[in-house]
Amino acid sequence: MHPSEVLFQDQRQPLLLPACDHYAGSEKLMRKSMALQQELGPVFDITFDCEDGAAAGQETAHAELVASLLRDPGNRHGRIGARVHHLGHPHFERDLALIAPARPAYIVLPKAGSVADVQRALELLGRHAALPLHVLIETHGALRDVFAIAALPQVECLSFGIMDFVSSHYGAVPANAMRSPGQFSHPLVVRAKLEIAAACHAYGKVASHNVTTEIKDSAIVANDAHRAAAEFGYTRMWSIHPDQIKPIVKAFTPRLSEVNEATAILSEAQAAAWGPIAQHGRLHDRASYRYYWTVLQRAKLSGLPLPEAANTLIHHAWDSA
């Protein structure tokens, strides 16, 4: 049996996606992001944006452009999704009809107001293709229903839309809560972030942190990503500028020391047929093995070169206990 089958026999195995979700709206930026993904590999996803990327009156042409780029040979990794217009928008169903048959990696649904909205969107999406759905949590109703939304099988990722969420309070939450450091301290924003992360982890889905609007200072981007991961339990984050991609990926990538520790523990666990072991005076069993197995998977997904023993653990199937 493969290690994931051994370690998650009675547990929900968490879904893992690339740590960075890079948004691009114009044709120039879409093509630039595709070229960068070819250069760096599938260590980040690209989301083509119809909601904010389409000029007024050009919604159909923009959706057709998205579909053509999805079919382009440059989409060699198959890790490009699309954000469509919201459910009540006149072009929502047309977006799906044009884009879904081009087989994006996922569809992003903005401004859902409830779990019923998400269910309706899935029903309409299903008429064209069975695709994963990513849901933006940016309304009071979506936050209220966040656990029910995360429980839907076709939903694989929840993203926090901090700008719309803050603005929906009509001045009761100050503008500085949209950026650091306020976004990590204002109680209503912190509550929303924690509810989204908790819902995702309860159902094995991916929690994607909101955008950093600062695009010139990579240190701010890196610090936001680090805090999102270390303090709030997020495993993915938006990018809105190519310069944000590498700092985000690096912040969410396990440190080499943690990868080495995970490799040593899991190698010894394998030799013990996945029974309990003691290493450096500490007890480890399948609970900690699941944690360290995820560390290795996240490291590989981020493109981190792994020790030979770690690659053996990941790529080879071996006997279970």
Protein backbone atom coordinates (compact mmCIF):
# COMPACT_ATOMS: atom_id res chain seq x y z
CA MET A 1 0.00 0.00 0.00
CA HIS A 2 1.04 3.60 -0.63
CA PRO A 3 1.87 5.61 2.52
CA SER A 4 -1.20 7.80 2.13
CA GLU A 5 -3.36 4.67 2.21
CA VAL A 6 -1.63 3.46 5.35
CA LEU A 7 -1.67 6.74 7.21
CA PHE A 8 -5.14 7.95 6.29
CA GLN A 9 -7.14 4.75 6.58
CA ASP A 10 -9.50 6.31 9.12
CA GLN A 11 -8.86 9.97 8.35
CA ARG A 12 -9.84 12.38 5.61
CA GLN A 13 -6.75 13.00 3.49
CA PRO A 14 -6.34 16.75 3.00
CA LEU A 15 -6.37 18.18 -0.49
CA LEU A 16 -3.17 19.94 -1.52
CA LEU A 17 -2.91 22.64 -4.19
CA PRO A 18 0.00 24.87 -5.26
CA ALA A 19 0.61 27.50 -2.58
CA CYS A 20 0.15 30.51 -4.85
CA ASP A 21 -2.94 31.42 -6.89
CA HIS A 22 -1.92 34.14 -9.35
CA TYR A 23 -4.69 36.26 -10.87
CA ALA A 24 -4.40 37.76 -14.36
CA GLY A 25 -7.08 39.76 -16.16
CA SER A 26 -5.76 41.22 -19.42
CA GLU A 27 -4.51 39.19 -22.37
CA LYS A 28 -1.00 40.60 -21.88
CA LEU A 29 -0.89 39.55 -18.24
CA MET A 30 -2.46 36.16 -18.96
CA ARG A 31 0.19 35.34 -21.53
CA LYS A 32 2.95 36.66 -19.28
CA SER A 33 1.76 34.48 -16.41
CA MET A 34 1.61 31.43 -18.70
CA ALA A 35 5.20 32.04 -19.78
CA LEU A 36 6.29 32.35 -16.15
CA GLN A 37 4.52 29.10 -15.25
CA GLN A 38 6.35 27.36 -18.07
CA GLU A 39 9.62 28.74 -16.69
CA LEU A 40 9.07 27.93 -13.01
CA GLY A 41 6.90 24.86 -13.42
CA PRO A 42 3.52 24.18 -11.79
CA VAL A 43 4.56 25.61 -8.41
CA PHE A 44 1.78 28.17 -8.72
CA ASP A 45 -1.68 28.22 -10.24
CA ILE A 46 -3.01 30.88 -12.59
CA THR A 47 -6.55 32.18 -12.44
CA PHE A 48 -7.79 34.00 -15.53
CA ASP A 49 -10.17 36.70 -14.34
CA CYS A 50 -13.47 37.42 -16.05
CA GLU A 51 -15.09 39.29 -13.16
CA ASP A 52 -12.61 42.19 -12.97
CA GLY A 53 -10.69 41.49 -16.17
CA ALA A 54 -13.49 41.90 -18.73
CA ALA A 55 -14.20 45.43 -19.94
CA ALA A 56 -17.85 46.50 -19.86
CA GLY A 57 -19.54 45.29 -23.02
CA GLN A 58 -16.69 42.89 -23.80
CA GLU A 59 -17.65 40.09 -21.42
CA THR A 60 -18.31 37.51 -24.14
CA ALA A 61 -15.11 38.30 -26.04
CA HIS A 62 -13.13 38.07 -22.81
CA ALA A 63 -14.60 34.66 -21.96
CA GLU A 64 -13.78 33.48 -25.46
CA LEU A 65 -10.19 34.69 -24.98
CA VAL A 66 -9.94 32.78 -21.70
CA ALA A 67 -11.20 29.61 -23.38
CA SER A 68 -8.72 29.97 -26.26
CA LEU A 69 -5.78 30.41 -23.86
CA LEU A 70 -6.87 27.39 -21.84
CA ARG A 71 -6.66 25.35 -25.06
CA ASP A 72 -3.31 26.88 -25.99
CA PRO A 73 -0.29 24.51 -26.00
CA GLY A 74 1.31 26.88 -23.51
CA ASN A 75 -1.06 25.53 -20.86
CA ARG A 76 1.18 22.51 -20.56
CA HIS A 77 0.67 21.87 -16.85
CA GLY A 78 -3.12 22.12 -16.79
CA ARG A 79 -3.00 24.39 -13.73
CA ILE A 80 -4.99 27.36 -14.98
CA GLY A 81 -8.45 28.16 -13.64
CA ALA A 82 -10.93 30.94 -14.30
CA ARG A 83 -12.93 33.32 -12.16
CA VAL A 84 -16.33 33.89 -13.72
CA HIS A 85 -18.91 36.58 -13.01
CA HIS A 86 -21.10 36.18 -9.93
CA LEU A 87 -24.21 34.03 -9.98
CA GLY A 88 -26.65 36.91 -10.49
CA HIS A 89 -24.66 38.53 -13.31
CA PRO A 90 -26.15 38.39 -16.82
CA HIS A 91 -22.95 36.80 -18.13
CA PHE A 92 -22.52 34.11 -15.47
CA GLU A 93 -24.05 31.27 -17.46
CA ARG A 94 -22.42 32.44 -20.67
CA ASP A 95 -19.03 32.41 -18.94
CA LEU A 96 -19.61 28.80 -17.94
CA ALA A 97 -20.82 27.80 -21.40
CA LEU A 98 -17.71 29.25 -23.05
CA ILE A 99 -15.04 28.41 -20.49
CA ALA A 100 -16.02 25.11 -18.85
CA PRO A 101 -15.69 23.01 -22.05
CA ALA A 102 -12.07 24.24 -22.32
CA ARG A 103 -11.39 22.27 -19.11
CA PRO A 104 -9.88 24.80 -16.72
CA ALA A 105 -8.32 23.35 -13.58
CA TYR A 106 -11.16 24.92 -11.59
CA ILE A 107 -13.83 27.61 -11.67
CA VAL A 108 -13.82 30.43 -9.11
CA LEU A 109 -17.21 31.67 -7.93
CA PRO A 110 -17.23 35.22 -6.52
CA LYS A 111 -19.78 36.91 -4.25
CA ALA A 112 -21.78 33.85 -3.27
CA GLY A 113 -24.39 34.90 -0.74
CA SER A 114 -25.17 31.50 0.74
CA VAL A 115 -24.63 27.79 0.41
CA ALA A 116 -27.74 27.75 -1.78
CA ASP A 117 -25.96 30.08 -4.23
CA VAL A 118 -23.00 27.71 -4.39
CA GLN A 119 -25.28 24.71 -4.94
CA ARG A 120 -27.05 26.54 -7.76
CA ALA A 121 -23.72 27.48 -9.34
CA LEU A 122 -22.61 23.84 -9.17
CA GLU A 123 -25.85 22.76 -10.82
CA LEU A 124 -25.32 25.18 -13.71
CA LEU A 125 -21.63 24.30 -14.00
CA GLY A 126 -22.54 20.61 -14.17
CA ARG A 127 -24.46 21.21 -17.40
CA HIS A 128 -21.12 21.93 -19.10
CA ALA A 129 -18.40 20.05 -17.21
CA ALA A 130 -17.63 18.39 -13.90
CA LEU A 131 -15.00 20.76 -12.56
CA PRO A 132 -13.76 21.67 -9.08
CA LEU A 133 -15.21 24.87 -7.68
CA HIS A 134 -13.31 27.47 -5.68
CA VAL A 135 -15.55 29.81 -3.69
CA LEU A 136 -14.75 33.35 -2.63
CA ILE A 137 -15.97 34.02 0.89
CA GLU A 138 -16.56 37.77 0.83
CA THR A 139 -20.18 38.27 1.94
CA HIS A 140 -21.86 37.98 5.32
CA GLY A 141 -24.06 35.16 4.01
CA ALA A 142 -21.18 33.11 2.69
CA LEU A 143 -19.31 33.48 5.96
CA ARG A 144 -22.43 32.39 7.85
CA ASP A 145 -22.65 29.25 5.69
CA VAL A 146 -18.91 28.65 5.38
CA PHE A 147 -18.92 25.17 6.95
CA ALA A 148 -21.81 24.05 4.75
CA ILE A 149 -20.01 25.40 1.68
CA ALA A 150 -16.78 23.62 2.60
CA ALA A 151 -18.72 20.38 3.03
CA LEU A 152 -19.86 20.33 -0.62
CA PRO A 153 -17.83 17.59 -2.37
CA GLN A 154 -17.10 19.56 -5.56
CA VAL A 155 -15.76 22.56 -3.62
CA GLU A 156 -12.01 22.19 -3.21
CA CYS A 157 -10.90 25.66 -2.08
CA LEU A 158 -12.26 28.64 -0.14
CA SER A 159 -10.63 32.05 -0.63
CA PHE A 160 -11.07 35.09 1.57
CA GLY A 161 -12.14 38.20 -0.35
CA ILE A 162 -10.98 40.77 2.16
CA MET A 163 -11.70 43.88 0.10
CA ASP A 164 -15.38 43.14 -0.48
CA PHE A 165 -15.77 41.76 3.04
CA VAL A 166 -14.45 44.93 4.68
CA SER A 167 -16.41 47.21 2.36
CA SER A 168 -19.60 45.28 3.15
CA HIS A 169 -19.43 46.78 6.65
CA TYR A 170 -19.96 50.27 5.18
CA GLY A 171 -17.31 52.00 7.21
CA ALA A 172 -17.79 50.13 10.48
CA VAL A 173 -14.53 48.30 9.73
CA PRO A 174 -11.75 50.78 8.84
CA ALA A 175 -9.92 50.68 5.53
CA ASN A 176 -6.64 49.78 7.25
CA ALA A 177 -8.16 46.35 7.98
CA MET A 178 -7.73 45.56 4.28
CA ARG A 179 -3.94 45.59 4.62
CA SER A 180 -1.23 44.81 7.13
CA PRO A 181 -0.96 45.04 10.04
CA GLY A 182 -4.66 45.76 10.51
CA GLN A 183 -5.84 42.71 8.60
CA PHE A 184 -4.24 40.48 11.22
CA SER A 185 -5.62 42.33 14.24
CA HIS A 186 -9.12 43.66 13.56
CA PRO A 187 -11.47 41.25 15.38
CA LEU A 188 -14.10 40.96 12.63
CA VAL A 189 -11.48 40.29 9.94
CA VAL A 190 -9.59 37.85 12.16
CA ARG A 191 -12.85 36.04 12.91
CA ALA A 192 -13.62 35.69 9.19
CA LYS A 193 -10.14 34.36 8.41
CA LEU A 194 -10.29 31.81 11.21
CA GLU A 195 -13.79 30.62 10.30
CA ILE A 196 -12.73 30.04 6.70
CA ALA A 197 -9.57 28.18 7.70
CA ALA A 198 -11.43 26.07 10.27
CA ALA A 199 -14.13 25.12 7.77
CA CYS A 200 -11.53 24.11 5.18
CA HIS A 201 -9.58 21.94 7.59
CA ALA A 202 -12.76 20.32 8.90
CA TYR A 203 -13.55 19.02 5.42
CA GLY A 204 -10.08 18.55 3.92
CA LYS A 205 -10.29 21.59 1.64
CA VAL A 206 -7.72 24.28 0.83
CA ALA A 207 -7.82 27.63 2.63
CA SER A 208 -6.57 30.42 0.36
CA HIS A 209 -5.54 33.71 1.95
CA ASN A 210 -6.50 37.09 0.57
CA VAL A 211 -4.41 39.33 -1.64
CA THR A 212 -1.67 41.69 -0.50
CA THR A 213 -2.31 45.00 -2.26
CA GLU A 214 1.31 46.13 -1.81
CA ILE A 215 3.01 45.09 -5.05
CA LYS A 216 6.36 46.91 -4.78
CA ASP A 217 7.60 45.67 -1.41
CA SER A 218 8.18 41.92 -1.51
CA ALA A 219 8.97 41.89 2.21
CA ILE A 220 5.38 42.85 3.00
CA VAL A 221 4.09 40.10 0.72
CA ALA A 222 6.40 37.55 2.33
CA ASN A 223 5.43 38.62 5.84
CA ASP A 224 1.70 38.43 5.03
CA ALA A 225 2.15 34.96 3.57
CA HIS A 226 4.18 33.80 6.56
CA ARG A 227 1.56 35.06 9.03
CA ALA A 228 -1.27 33.55 7.00
CA ALA A 229 0.45 30.16 7.18
CA ALA A 230 1.92 30.25 10.68
CA GLU A 231 -0.86 32.02 12.58
CA PHE A 232 -4.06 31.36 10.62
CA GLY A 233 -3.63 27.92 9.09
CA TYR A 234 -3.78 28.92 5.41
CA THR A 235 -1.97 26.79 2.84
CA ARG A 236 -2.43 28.99 -0.22
CA MET A 237 -2.51 32.70 -1.07
CA TRP A 238 -3.50 35.04 -3.88
CA SER A 239 -1.02 36.92 -6.04
CA ILE A 240 -1.93 39.94 -8.18
CA HIS A 241 1.54 40.73 -9.53
CA PRO A 242 4.24 38.40 -10.90
CA ASP A 243 6.70 39.74 -8.32
CA GLN A 244 4.49 38.36 -5.55
CA ILE A 245 4.63 34.75 -6.72
CA LYS A 246 8.08 33.72 -5.51
CA PRO A 247 7.76 35.28 -2.01
CA ILE A 248 4.41 33.55 -1.54
CA VAL A 249 5.66 30.15 -2.69
CA LYS A 250 8.74 30.46 -0.49
CA ALA A 251 6.70 31.42 2.59
CA PHE A 252 4.44 28.40 2.25
CA THR A 253 7.24 25.95 1.44
CA PRO A 254 8.43 23.84 4.40
CA ARG A 255 11.95 24.62 5.55
CA LEU A 256 14.66 22.18 4.50
CA SER A 257 15.30 21.31 8.14
CA GLU A 258 11.66 20.28 8.52
CA VAL A 259 11.85 18.23 5.32
CA ASN A 260 14.94 16.44 6.62
CA GLU A 261 13.23 15.78 9.94
CA ALA A 262 10.15 14.45 8.17
CA THR A 263 12.28 12.18 5.99
CA ALA A 264 14.12 10.73 8.96
CA ILE A 265 10.95 10.11 10.98
CA LEU A 266 9.01 8.56 8.11
CA SER A 267 11.92 6.37 7.02
CA GLU A 268 12.21 4.97 10.53
CA ALA A 269 8.43 4.58 10.73
CA GLN A 270 8.41 2.61 7.50
CA ALA A 271 11.09 0.30 8.88
CA ALA A 272 8.89 -0.18 11.98
CA ALA A 273 5.90 -1.14 9.79
CA TRP A 274 4.25 2.14 10.82
CA GLY A 275 4.15 1.28 14.50
CA PRO A 276 5.20 3.83 17.15
CA ILE A 277 8.84 4.89 17.25
CA ALA A 278 10.99 7.05 19.52
CA GLN A 279 13.37 9.51 17.92
CA HIS A 280 15.55 11.92 19.89
CA GLY A 281 13.55 11.12 22.99
CA ARG A 282 10.18 11.89 21.42
CA LEU A 283 7.37 9.46 20.66
CA HIS A 284 5.93 9.38 17.14
CA ASP A 285 2.95 7.41 15.85
CA ARG A 286 0.53 7.64 12.95
CA ALA A 287 -0.81 11.01 14.08
CA SER A 288 2.61 12.64 13.70
CA TYR A 289 3.38 10.51 10.63
CA ARG A 290 0.37 12.11 8.89
CA TYR A 291 1.74 15.54 9.68
CA TYR A 292 5.23 14.78 8.37
CA TRP A 293 3.89 13.02 5.27
CA THR A 294 2.00 16.22 4.44
CA VAL A 295 5.21 18.21 4.94
CA LEU A 296 6.91 16.15 2.23
CA GLN A 297 3.98 16.50 -0.14
CA ARG A 298 3.85 20.28 0.32
CA ALA A 299 7.59 20.55 -0.23
CA LYS A 300 7.42 18.59 -3.46
CA LEU A 301 4.43 20.61 -4.68
CA SER A 302 6.43 23.81 -4.10
CA GLY A 303 9.34 22.54 -6.19
CA LEU A 304 11.76 22.12 -3.30
CA PRO A 305 14.53 19.63 -4.11
CA LEU A 306 14.02 16.69 -1.79
CA PRO A 307 16.52 14.26 -0.26
CA GLU A 308 16.75 10.96 -2.12
CA ALA A 309 15.11 9.15 0.79
CA ALA A 310 12.16 11.55 0.66
CA ASN A 311 11.69 10.98 -3.06
CA THR A 312 11.73 7.25 -2.40
CA LEU A 313 9.03 7.66 0.22
CA ILE A 314 6.85 9.71 -2.11
CA HIS A 315 7.27 7.80 -5.35
CA HIS A 316 7.46 4.19 -4.25
CA ALA A 317 4.64 2.05 -2.97
CA TRP A 318 5.53 -0.22 -0.12
CA ASP A 319 3.98 -2.78 2.14
CA SER A 320 1.74 -1.54 4.91
CA ALA A 321 1.75 -2.65 8.47
